[in-house]
Protein backbone atom coordinates (compact mmCIF):
# COMPACT_ATOMS: atom_id res chain seq x y z
CA UNK A 1 0.00 0.00 0.00
CA UNK A 2 1.32 3.39 -0.90
CA UNK A 3 2.12 5.83 1.95
CA UNK A 4 0.20 8.46 0.04
CA UNK A 5 -3.04 6.47 0.45
CA UNK A 6 -2.52 6.03 4.18
CA UNK A 7 -2.21 9.71 4.94
CA UNK A 8 -5.57 10.78 3.48
CA UNK A 9 -7.33 7.90 5.27
CA UNK A 10 -5.76 8.93 8.57
CA UNK A 11 -6.90 12.49 7.99
CA UNK A 12 -10.47 11.58 6.99
CA UNK A 13 -11.13 9.17 9.84
CA UNK A 14 -11.69 11.96 12.41
CA UNK A 15 -14.08 13.58 9.96
CA UNK A 16 -16.10 10.35 9.68
CA UNK A 17 -16.18 9.75 13.46
CA UNK A 18 -19.45 11.62 14.21
CA UNK A 19 -21.40 9.72 11.56
CA UNK A 20 -19.85 6.39 12.57
CA UNK A 21 -20.59 7.10 16.22
CA UNK A 22 -24.24 7.89 15.50
CA UNK A 23 -24.53 4.75 13.39
CA UNK A 24 -23.14 2.58 16.22
CA UNK A 25 -25.42 4.26 18.77
CA UNK A 26 -28.45 3.68 16.53
CA UNK A 27 -27.50 0.02 16.11
CA UNK A 28 -27.14 -0.40 19.89
CA UNK A 29 -30.51 1.29 20.47
CA UNK A 30 -32.25 -1.03 17.98
CA UNK A 31 -30.66 -4.08 19.60
CA UNK A 32 -31.69 -2.94 23.10
CA UNK A 33 -35.21 -2.21 21.87
CA UNK A 34 -35.50 -5.72 20.44
CA UNK A 35 -34.38 -7.28 23.74
CA UNK A 36 -36.83 -5.14 25.72
CA UNK A 37 -39.67 -6.04 23.36
CA UNK A 38 -39.00 -9.76 23.88
CA UNK A 39 -38.93 -9.29 27.66
CA UNK A 40 -42.15 -7.27 27.60
CA UNK A 41 -43.91 -9.91 25.49
CA UNK A 42 -42.76 -12.67 27.85
CA UNK A 43 -43.88 -10.69 30.92
CA UNK A 44 -47.31 -10.07 29.37
CA UNK A 45 -47.61 -13.76 28.41
CA UNK A 46 -46.84 -14.80 31.99
CA UNK A 47 -49.36 -12.29 33.34
CA UNK A 48 -52.07 -13.63 31.00
CA UNK A 49 -51.27 -17.21 32.00
CA UNK A 50 -51.47 -16.37 35.71
CA UNK A 51 -54.75 -14.48 35.23
CA UNK A 52 -56.25 -17.46 33.39
CA UNK A 53 -55.14 -19.99 36.01
CA UNK A 54 -55.71 -17.98 39.17
CA UNK A 55 -58.73 -19.15 41.18
CA UNK A 56 -61.45 -16.58 41.67
CA UNK A 57 -61.34 -15.54 45.33
CA UNK A 58 -65.01 -14.52 45.31
CA UNK A 59 -66.05 -18.07 44.47
CA UNK A 60 -63.97 -19.42 47.36
CA UNK A 61 -65.33 -16.89 49.84
CA UNK A 62 -61.86 -15.62 50.64
CA UNK A 63 -60.57 -12.12 50.92
CA UNK A 64 -57.24 -11.52 49.22
CA UNK A 65 -55.50 -8.67 51.10
CA UNK A 66 -53.57 -6.02 49.27
CA UNK A 67 -49.86 -6.62 49.17
CA UNK A 68 -49.14 -4.29 52.12
CA UNK A 69 -52.51 -4.44 53.85
CA UNK A 70 -51.52 -7.11 56.38
CA UNK A 71 -47.98 -7.26 57.67
CA UNK A 72 -46.70 -9.53 60.37
CA UNK A 73 -44.63 -7.71 62.97
CA UNK A 74 -40.94 -8.48 62.76
CA UNK A 75 -39.06 -9.70 65.83
CA UNK A 76 -36.36 -7.20 66.74
CA UNK A 77 -33.51 -8.21 69.04
CA UNK A 78 -33.45 -6.16 72.23
CA UNK A 79 -30.17 -5.25 73.85
CA UNK A 80 -30.47 -6.50 77.44
CA UNK A 81 -26.93 -7.37 78.23
CA UNK A 82 -24.44 -9.85 76.97
CA UNK A 83 -25.86 -13.15 75.83
CA UNK A 84 -29.48 -12.68 76.97
CA UNK A 85 -30.80 -13.29 73.47
CA UNK A 86 -34.37 -12.23 74.31
CA UNK A 87 -36.49 -10.95 71.47
CA UNK A 88 -39.24 -8.40 71.74
CA UNK A 89 -42.09 -7.81 69.35
PDB file of N, CA and C in Angstrom:
ATOM      1  N   UNK A   1       0.848  -1.168   0.000  1.00  0.00           N
ATOM      2  CA  UNK A   1       0.000   0.000   0.000  1.00  0.00           C
ATOM      3  C   UNK A   1       0.895   1.234   0.000  1.00  0.00           C
ATOM      4  N   UNK A   2       0.522   2.180  -0.744  1.00  0.00           N
ATOM      5  CA  UNK A   2       1.316   3.392  -0.895  1.00  0.00           C
ATOM      6  C   UNK A   2       1.158   4.284   0.333  1.00  0.00           C
ATOM      7  N   UNK A   3       2.237   4.924   0.806  1.00  0.00           N
ATOM      8  CA  UNK A   3       2.120   5.829   1.951  1.00  0.00           C
ATOM      9  C   UNK A   3       1.230   7.025   1.654  1.00  0.00           C
ATOM     10  N   UNK A   4       1.051   7.330   0.396  1.00  0.00           N
ATOM     11  CA  UNK A   4       0.196   8.459   0.042  1.00  0.00           C
ATOM     12  C   UNK A   4      -1.289   8.146   0.254  1.00  0.00           C
ATOM     13  N   UNK A   5      -1.651   6.860   0.208  1.00  0.00           N
ATOM     14  CA  UNK A   5      -3.036   6.475   0.445  1.00  0.00           C
ATOM     15  C   UNK A   5      -3.339   6.390   1.942  1.00  0.00           C
ATOM     16  N   UNK A   6      -2.317   6.145   2.742  1.00  0.00           N
ATOM     17  CA  UNK A   6      -2.516   6.031   4.182  1.00  0.00           C
ATOM     18  C   UNK A   6      -2.781   7.399   4.797  1.00  0.00           C
ATOM     19  N   UNK A   7      -2.075   8.380   4.367  1.00  0.00           N
ATOM     20  CA  UNK A   7      -2.207   9.712   4.939  1.00  0.00           C
ATOM     21  C   UNK A   7      -3.614  10.282   4.772  1.00  0.00           C
ATOM     22  N   UNK A   8      -4.210  10.244   3.587  1.00  0.00           N
ATOM     23  CA  UNK A   8      -5.569  10.784   3.482  1.00  0.00           C
ATOM     24  C   UNK A   8      -6.579  10.021   4.335  1.00  0.00           C
ATOM     25  N   UNK A   9      -6.428   8.682   4.445  1.00  0.00           N
ATOM     26  CA  UNK A   9      -7.328   7.904   5.270  1.00  0.00           C
ATOM     27  C   UNK A   9      -7.211   8.316   6.736  1.00  0.00           C
ATOM     28  N   UNK A  10      -5.988   8.517   7.186  1.00  0.00           N
ATOM     29  CA  UNK A  10      -5.765   8.932   8.569  1.00  0.00           C
ATOM     30  C   UNK A  10      -6.342  10.316   8.824  1.00  0.00           C
ATOM     31  N   UNK A  11      -6.348  11.143   7.823  1.00  0.00           N
ATOM     32  CA  UNK A  11      -6.902  12.490   7.990  1.00  0.00           C
ATOM     33  C   UNK A  11      -8.426  12.501   7.896  1.00  0.00           C
ATOM     34  N   UNK A  12      -9.008  11.567   7.151  1.00  0.00           N
ATOM     35  CA  UNK A  12     -10.468  11.579   6.988  1.00  0.00           C
ATOM     36  C   UNK A  12     -11.191  10.813   8.082  1.00  0.00           C
ATOM     37  N   UNK A  13     -10.462   9.946   8.783  1.00  0.00           N
ATOM     38  CA  UNK A  13     -11.125   9.168   9.839  1.00  0.00           C
ATOM     39  C   UNK A  13     -11.737  10.060  10.916  1.00  0.00           C
ATOM     40  N   UNK A  14     -11.045  11.080  11.435  1.00  0.00           N
ATOM     41  CA  UNK A  14     -11.691  11.964  12.415  1.00  0.00           C
ATOM     42  C   UNK A  14     -12.916  12.688  11.853  1.00  0.00           C
ATOM     43  N   UNK A  15     -12.931  12.919  10.568  1.00  0.00           N
ATOM     44  CA  UNK A  15     -14.083  13.583   9.962  1.00  0.00           C
ATOM     45  C   UNK A  15     -15.289  12.638   9.877  1.00  0.00           C
ATOM     46  N   UNK A  16     -15.013  11.328   9.760  1.00  0.00           N
ATOM     47  CA  UNK A  16     -16.104  10.353   9.683  1.00  0.00           C
ATOM     48  C   UNK A  16     -16.585   9.911  11.055  1.00  0.00           C
ATOM     49  N   UNK A  17     -15.855  10.235  12.114  1.00  0.00           N
ATOM     50  CA  UNK A  17     -16.183   9.748  13.456  1.00  0.00           C
ATOM     51  C   UNK A  17     -17.607  10.099  13.906  1.00  0.00           C
ATOM     52  N   UNK A  18     -18.080  11.341  13.731  1.00  0.00           N
ATOM     53  CA  UNK A  18     -19.454  11.624  14.211  1.00  0.00           C
ATOM     54  C   UNK A  18     -20.511  10.736  13.552  1.00  0.00           C
ATOM     55  N   UNK A  19     -20.402  10.548  12.254  1.00  0.00           N
ATOM     56  CA  UNK A  19     -21.399   9.723  11.557  1.00  0.00           C
ATOM     57  C   UNK A  19     -21.276   8.263  11.985  1.00  0.00           C
ATOM     58  N   UNK A  20     -20.047   7.769  12.125  1.00  0.00           N
ATOM     59  CA  UNK A  20     -19.851   6.386  12.571  1.00  0.00           C
ATOM     60  C   UNK A  20     -20.362   6.200  13.994  1.00  0.00           C
ATOM     61  N   UNK A  21     -20.137   7.187  14.837  1.00  0.00           N
ATOM     62  CA  UNK A  21     -20.595   7.104  16.225  1.00  0.00           C
ATOM     63  C   UNK A  21     -22.118   7.055  16.300  1.00  0.00           C
ATOM     64  N   UNK A  22     -22.769   7.888  15.524  1.00  0.00           N
ATOM     65  CA  UNK A  22     -24.242   7.889  15.499  1.00  0.00           C
ATOM     66  C   UNK A  22     -24.759   6.562  14.964  1.00  0.00           C
ATOM     67  N   UNK A  23     -24.105   6.027  13.956  1.00  0.00           N
ATOM     68  CA  UNK A  23     -24.528   4.750  13.386  1.00  0.00           C
ATOM     69  C   UNK A  23     -24.405   3.629  14.417  1.00  0.00           C
ATOM     70  N   UNK A  24     -23.300   3.607  15.177  1.00  0.00           N
ATOM     71  CA  UNK A  24     -23.138   2.584  16.217  1.00  0.00           C
ATOM     72  C   UNK A  24     -24.173   2.754  17.333  1.00  0.00           C
ATOM     73  N   UNK A  25     -24.430   4.002  17.717  1.00  0.00           N
ATOM     74  CA  UNK A  25     -25.423   4.256  18.767  1.00  0.00           C
ATOM     75  C   UNK A  25     -26.814   3.820  18.309  1.00  0.00           C
ATOM     76  N   UNK A  26     -27.151   4.084  17.065  1.00  0.00           N
ATOM     77  CA  UNK A  26     -28.454   3.677  16.528  1.00  0.00           C
ATOM     78  C   UNK A  26     -28.569   2.160  16.510  1.00  0.00           C
ATOM     79  N   UNK A  27     -27.498   1.491  16.111  1.00  0.00           N
ATOM     80  CA  UNK A  27     -27.501   0.025  16.108  1.00  0.00           C
ATOM     81  C   UNK A  27     -27.708  -0.521  17.522  1.00  0.00           C
ATOM     82  N   UNK A  28     -27.001   0.044  18.499  1.00  0.00           N
ATOM     83  CA  UNK A  28     -27.144  -0.402  19.889  1.00  0.00           C
ATOM     84  C   UNK A  28     -28.558  -0.153  20.409  1.00  0.00           C
ATOM     85  N   UNK A  29     -29.154   0.979  20.032  1.00  0.00           N
ATOM     86  CA  UNK A  29     -30.514   1.287  20.468  1.00  0.00           C
ATOM     87  C   UNK A  29     -31.516   0.296  19.873  1.00  0.00           C
ATOM     88  N   UNK A  30     -31.355  -0.051  18.600  1.00  0.00           N
ATOM     89  CA  UNK A  30     -32.254  -1.030  17.985  1.00  0.00           C
ATOM     90  C   UNK A  30     -32.116  -2.396  18.653  1.00  0.00           C
ATOM     91  N   UNK A  31     -30.878  -2.785  18.955  1.00  0.00           N
ATOM     92  CA  UNK A  31     -30.659  -4.080  19.599  1.00  0.00           C
ATOM     93  C   UNK A  31     -31.286  -4.094  20.992  1.00  0.00           C
ATOM     94  N   UNK A  32     -31.101  -3.021  21.754  1.00  0.00           N
ATOM     95  CA  UNK A  32     -31.692  -2.944  23.099  1.00  0.00           C
ATOM     96  C   UNK A  32     -33.211  -2.942  23.019  1.00  0.00           C
ATOM     97  N   UNK A  33     -33.761  -2.251  22.033  1.00  0.00           N
ATOM     98  CA  UNK A  33     -35.210  -2.212  21.871  1.00  0.00           C
ATOM     99  C   UNK A  33     -35.767  -3.605  21.574  1.00  0.00           C
ATOM    100  N   UNK A  34     -35.047  -4.372  20.752  1.00  0.00           N
ATOM    101  CA  UNK A  34     -35.498  -5.724  20.437  1.00  0.00           C
ATOM    102  C   UNK A  34     -35.491  -6.600  21.689  1.00  0.00           C
ATOM    103  N   UNK A  35     -34.460  -6.489  22.506  1.00  0.00           N
ATOM    104  CA  UNK A  35     -34.379  -7.283  23.737  1.00  0.00           C
ATOM    105  C   UNK A  35     -35.512  -6.893  24.687  1.00  0.00           C
ATOM    106  N   UNK A  36     -35.751  -5.596  24.822  1.00  0.00           N
ATOM    107  CA  UNK A  36     -36.827  -5.144  25.715  1.00  0.00           C
ATOM    108  C   UNK A  36     -38.195  -5.582  25.213  1.00  0.00           C
ATOM    109  N   UNK A  37     -38.389  -5.595  23.906  1.00  0.00           N
ATOM    110  CA  UNK A  37     -39.672  -6.042  23.355  1.00  0.00           C
ATOM    111  C   UNK A  37     -39.906  -7.517  23.659  1.00  0.00           C
ATOM    112  N   UNK A  38     -38.870  -8.324  23.573  1.00  0.00           N
ATOM    113  CA  UNK A  38     -39.004  -9.756  23.883  1.00  0.00           C
ATOM    114  C   UNK A  38     -39.337  -9.930  25.360  1.00  0.00           C
ATOM    115  N   UNK A  39     -38.650  -9.191  26.220  1.00  0.00           N
ATOM    116  CA  UNK A  39     -38.929  -9.289  27.660  1.00  0.00           C
ATOM    117  C   UNK A  39     -40.349  -8.844  27.983  1.00  0.00           C
ATOM    118  N   UNK A  40     -40.788  -7.762  27.347  1.00  0.00           N
ATOM    119  CA  UNK A  40     -42.150  -7.271  27.596  1.00  0.00           C
ATOM    120  C   UNK A  40     -43.176  -8.295  27.156  1.00  0.00           C
ATOM    121  N   UNK A  41     -42.966  -8.900  25.986  1.00  0.00           N
ATOM    122  CA  UNK A  41     -43.906  -9.909  25.485  1.00  0.00           C
ATOM    123  C   UNK A  41     -43.947 -11.109  26.424  1.00  0.00           C
ATOM    124  N   UNK A  42     -42.787 -11.529  26.927  1.00  0.00           N
ATOM    125  CA  UNK A  42     -42.757 -12.666  27.847  1.00  0.00           C
ATOM    126  C   UNK A  42     -43.464 -12.323  29.154  1.00  0.00           C
ATOM    127  N   UNK A  43     -43.223 -11.107  29.669  1.00  0.00           N
ATOM    128  CA  UNK A  43     -43.876 -10.686  30.915  1.00  0.00           C
ATOM    129  C   UNK A  43     -45.399 -10.638  30.748  1.00  0.00           C
ATOM    130  N   UNK A  44     -45.871 -10.129  29.619  1.00  0.00           N
ATOM    131  CA  UNK A  44     -47.310 -10.073  29.372  1.00  0.00           C
ATOM    132  C   UNK A  44     -47.895 -11.475  29.201  1.00  0.00           C
ATOM    133  N   UNK A  45     -47.142 -12.378  28.575  1.00  0.00           N
ATOM    134  CA  UNK A  45     -47.612 -13.759  28.415  1.00  0.00           C
ATOM    135  C   UNK A  45     -47.742 -14.442  29.780  1.00  0.00           C
ATOM    136  N   UNK A  46     -46.785 -14.220  30.659  1.00  0.00           N
ATOM    137  CA  UNK A  46     -46.842 -14.803  31.994  1.00  0.00           C
ATOM    138  C   UNK A  46     -48.017 -14.220  32.773  1.00  0.00           C
ATOM    139  N   UNK A  47     -48.240 -12.917  32.647  1.00  0.00           N
ATOM    140  CA  UNK A  47     -49.361 -12.286  33.344  1.00  0.00           C
ATOM    141  C   UNK A  47     -50.691 -12.846  32.854  1.00  0.00           C
ATOM    142  N   UNK A  48     -50.834 -13.040  31.536  1.00  0.00           N
ATOM    143  CA  UNK A  48     -52.071 -13.625  30.999  1.00  0.00           C
ATOM    144  C   UNK A  48     -52.265 -15.053  31.508  1.00  0.00           C
ATOM    145  N   UNK A  49     -51.175 -15.831  31.520  1.00  0.00           N
ATOM    146  CA  UNK A  49     -51.267 -17.212  32.005  1.00  0.00           C
ATOM    147  C   UNK A  49     -51.705 -17.239  33.463  1.00  0.00           C
ATOM    148  N   UNK A  50     -51.104 -16.383  34.289  1.00  0.00           N
ATOM    149  CA  UNK A  50     -51.470 -16.368  35.705  1.00  0.00           C
ATOM    150  C   UNK A  50     -52.908 -15.904  35.904  1.00  0.00           C
ATOM    151  N   UNK A  51     -53.352 -14.939  35.121  1.00  0.00           N
ATOM    152  CA  UNK A  51     -54.746 -14.484  35.227  1.00  0.00           C
ATOM    153  C   UNK A  51     -55.722 -15.586  34.843  1.00  0.00           C
ATOM    154  N   UNK A  52     -55.367 -16.381  33.832  1.00  0.00           N
ATOM    155  CA  UNK A  52     -56.250 -17.460  33.391  1.00  0.00           C
ATOM    156  C   UNK A  52     -56.301 -18.608  34.398  1.00  0.00           C
ATOM    157  N   UNK A  53     -55.221 -18.844  35.122  1.00  0.00           N
ATOM    158  CA  UNK A  53     -55.141 -19.993  36.014  1.00  0.00           C
ATOM    159  C   UNK A  53     -55.281 -19.635  37.485  1.00  0.00           C
ATOM    160  N   UNK A  54     -55.533 -18.392  37.785  1.00  0.00           N
ATOM    161  CA  UNK A  54     -55.712 -17.982  39.174  1.00  0.00           C
ATOM    162  C   UNK A  54     -57.146 -18.260  39.592  1.00  0.00           C
ATOM    163  N   UNK A  55     -57.347 -18.905  40.744  1.00  0.00           N
ATOM    164  CA  UNK A  55     -58.726 -19.150  41.182  1.00  0.00           C
ATOM    165  C   UNK A  55     -59.401 -17.838  41.565  1.00  0.00           C
ATOM    166  N   UNK A  56     -60.683 -17.774  41.324  1.00  0.00           N
ATOM    167  CA  UNK A  56     -61.450 -16.582  41.672  1.00  0.00           C
ATOM    168  C   UNK A  56     -61.697 -16.579  43.173  1.00  0.00           C
ATOM    169  N   UNK A  57     -61.224 -15.566  43.871  1.00  0.00           N
ATOM    170  CA  UNK A  57     -61.336 -15.537  45.333  1.00  0.00           C
ATOM    171  C   UNK A  57     -62.779 -15.319  45.770  1.00  0.00           C
ATOM    172  N   UNK A  58     -63.607 -14.736  44.937  1.00  0.00           N
ATOM    173  CA  UNK A  58     -65.007 -14.522  45.311  1.00  0.00           C
ATOM    174  C   UNK A  58     -65.768 -15.839  45.356  1.00  0.00           C
ATOM    175  N   UNK A  59     -65.405 -16.768  44.465  1.00  0.00           N
ATOM    176  CA  UNK A  59     -66.049 -18.074  44.474  1.00  0.00           C
ATOM    177  C   UNK A  59     -65.648 -18.889  45.698  1.00  0.00           C
ATOM    178  N   UNK A  60     -64.441 -18.671  46.198  1.00  0.00           N
ATOM    179  CA  UNK A  60     -63.966 -19.420  47.357  1.00  0.00           C
ATOM    180  C   UNK A  60     -64.394 -18.796  48.675  1.00  0.00           C
ATOM    181  N   UNK A  61     -64.915 -17.581  48.627  1.00  0.00           N
ATOM    182  CA  UNK A  61     -65.329 -16.889  49.843  1.00  0.00           C
ATOM    183  C   UNK A  61     -64.161 -16.344  50.636  1.00  0.00           C
ATOM    184  N   UNK A  62     -63.045 -16.137  49.970  1.00  0.00           N
ATOM    185  CA  UNK A  62     -61.857 -15.620  50.644  1.00  0.00           C
ATOM    186  C   UNK A  62     -61.653 -14.151  50.314  1.00  0.00           C
ATOM    187  N   UNK A  63     -60.934 -13.507  51.174  1.00  0.00           N
ATOM    188  CA  UNK A  63     -60.567 -12.119  50.924  1.00  0.00           C
ATOM    189  C   UNK A  63     -59.070 -12.079  50.682  1.00  0.00           C
ATOM    190  N   UNK A  64     -58.665 -11.613  49.524  1.00  0.00           N
ATOM    191  CA  UNK A  64     -57.240 -11.515  49.222  1.00  0.00           C
ATOM    192  C   UNK A  64     -56.783 -10.113  49.619  1.00  0.00           C
ATOM    193  N   UNK A  65     -55.935  -9.999  50.660  1.00  0.00           N
ATOM    194  CA  UNK A  65     -55.502  -8.670  51.096  1.00  0.00           C
ATOM    195  C   UNK A  65     -54.565  -8.039  50.078  1.00  0.00           C
ATOM    196  N   UNK A  66     -54.520  -6.724  50.115  1.00  0.00           N
ATOM    197  CA  UNK A  66     -53.567  -6.015  49.271  1.00  0.00           C
ATOM    198  C   UNK A  66     -52.163  -6.407  49.714  1.00  0.00           C
ATOM    199  N   UNK A  67     -51.198  -6.134  48.886  1.00  0.00           N
ATOM    200  CA  UNK A  67     -49.856  -6.616  49.165  1.00  0.00           C
ATOM    201  C   UNK A  67     -49.314  -6.076  50.482  1.00  0.00           C
ATOM    202  N   UNK A  68     -49.657  -4.870  50.875  1.00  0.00           N
ATOM    203  CA  UNK A  68     -49.135  -4.290  52.116  1.00  0.00           C
ATOM    204  C   UNK A  68     -50.227  -4.074  53.158  1.00  0.00           C
ATOM    205  N   UNK A  69     -51.396  -4.662  52.926  1.00  0.00           N
ATOM    206  CA  UNK A  69     -52.505  -4.445  53.855  1.00  0.00           C
ATOM    207  C   UNK A  69     -52.252  -5.125  55.195  1.00  0.00           C
ATOM    208  N   UNK A  70     -51.757  -6.349  55.154  1.00  0.00           N
ATOM    209  CA  UNK A  70     -51.520  -7.106  56.380  1.00  0.00           C
ATOM    210  C   UNK A  70     -50.038  -7.432  56.437  1.00  0.00           C
ATOM    211  N   UNK A  71     -49.397  -6.946  57.489  1.00  0.00           N
ATOM    212  CA  UNK A  71     -47.983  -7.255  57.667  1.00  0.00           C
ATOM    213  C   UNK A  71     -47.768  -7.829  59.053  1.00  0.00           C
ATOM    214  N   UNK A  72     -47.034  -8.901  59.099  1.00  0.00           N
ATOM    215  CA  UNK A  72     -46.702  -9.535  60.368  1.00  0.00           C
ATOM    216  C   UNK A  72     -45.593  -8.733  61.022  1.00  0.00           C
ATOM    217  N   UNK A  73     -45.708  -8.448  62.327  1.00  0.00           N
ATOM    218  CA  UNK A  73     -44.626  -7.711  62.973  1.00  0.00           C
ATOM    219  C   UNK A  73     -43.336  -8.524  62.966  1.00  0.00           C
ATOM    220  N   UNK A  74     -42.247  -7.832  62.846  1.00  0.00           N
ATOM    221  CA  UNK A  74     -40.944  -8.478  62.761  1.00  0.00           C
ATOM    222  C   UNK A  74     -40.305  -8.479  64.137  1.00  0.00           C
ATOM    223  N   UNK A  75     -39.746  -9.614  64.542  1.00  0.00           N
ATOM    224  CA  UNK A  75     -39.062  -9.704  65.830  1.00  0.00           C
ATOM    225  C   UNK A  75     -37.758  -8.928  65.756  1.00  0.00           C
ATOM    226  N   UNK A  76     -37.555  -8.035  66.708  1.00  0.00           N
ATOM    227  CA  UNK A  76     -36.358  -7.203  66.744  1.00  0.00           C
ATOM    228  C   UNK A  76     -35.571  -7.572  67.992  1.00  0.00           C
ATOM    229  N   UNK A  77     -34.293  -7.873  67.858  1.00  0.00           N
ATOM    230  CA  UNK A  77     -33.515  -8.211  69.043  1.00  0.00           C
ATOM    231  C   UNK A  77     -33.377  -7.005  69.966  1.00  0.00           C
ATOM    232  N   UNK A  78     -33.553  -7.243  71.250  1.00  0.00           N
ATOM    233  CA  UNK A  78     -33.448  -6.156  72.227  1.00  0.00           C
ATOM    234  C   UNK A  78     -32.130  -6.312  72.962  1.00  0.00           C
ATOM    235  N   UNK A  79     -31.459  -5.204  73.164  1.00  0.00           N
ATOM    236  CA  UNK A  79     -30.172  -5.249  73.850  1.00  0.00           C
ATOM    237  C   UNK A  79     -30.418  -5.225  75.357  1.00  0.00           C
ATOM    238  N   UNK A  80     -30.250  -6.382  76.017  1.00  0.00           N
ATOM    239  CA  UNK A  80     -30.471  -6.495  77.445  1.00  0.00           C
ATOM    240  C   UNK A  80     -29.222  -6.949  78.177  1.00  0.00           C
ATOM    241  N   UNK A  81     -28.148  -6.864  77.588  1.00  0.00           N
ATOM    242  CA  UNK A  81     -26.932  -7.372  78.233  1.00  0.00           C
ATOM    243  C   UNK A  81     -26.324  -8.444  77.375  1.00  0.00           C
ATOM    244  N   UNK A  82     -25.182  -8.893  77.756  1.00  0.00           N
ATOM    245  CA  UNK A  82     -24.438  -9.852  76.966  1.00  0.00           C
ATOM    246  C   UNK A  82     -25.067 -11.237  77.043  1.00  0.00           C
ATOM    247  N   UNK A  83     -25.424 -11.769  75.919  1.00  0.00           N
ATOM    248  CA  UNK A  83     -25.857 -13.150  75.832  1.00  0.00           C
ATOM    249  C   UNK A  83     -27.273 -13.441  76.275  1.00  0.00           C
ATOM    250  N   UNK A  84     -28.103 -12.423  76.544  1.00  0.00           N
ATOM    251  CA  UNK A  84     -29.480 -12.682  76.966  1.00  0.00           C
ATOM    252  C   UNK A  84     -30.272 -13.311  75.824  1.00  0.00           C
ATOM    253  N   UNK A  85     -30.166 -12.723  74.635  1.00  0.00           N
ATOM    254  CA  UNK A  85     -30.805 -13.292  73.465  1.00  0.00           C
ATOM    255  C   UNK A  85     -32.302 -13.164  73.425  1.00  0.00           C
ATOM    256  N   UNK A  86     -32.921 -12.377  74.296  1.00  0.00           N
ATOM    257  CA  UNK A  86     -34.375 -12.226  74.307  1.00  0.00           C
ATOM    258  C   UNK A  86     -34.809 -11.365  73.127  1.00  0.00           C
ATOM    259  N   UNK A  87     -35.925 -11.715  72.558  1.00  0.00           N
ATOM    260  CA  UNK A  87     -36.495 -10.947  71.468  1.00  0.00           C
ATOM    261  C   UNK A  87     -37.767 -10.282  71.914  1.00  0.00           C
ATOM    262  N   UNK A  88     -37.981  -9.093  71.435  1.00  0.00           N
ATOM    263  CA  UNK A  88     -39.240  -8.403  71.737  1.00  0.00           C
ATOM    264  C   UNK A  88     -39.980  -8.182  70.427  1.00  0.00           C
ATOM    265  N   UNK A  89     -41.262  -8.059  70.533  1.00  0.00           N
ATOM    266  CA  UNK A  89     -42.086  -7.814  69.346  1.00  0.00           C
ATOM    267  C   UNK A  89     -42.481  -6.365  69.309  1.00  0.00           C
TER     268      UNK A  89
END
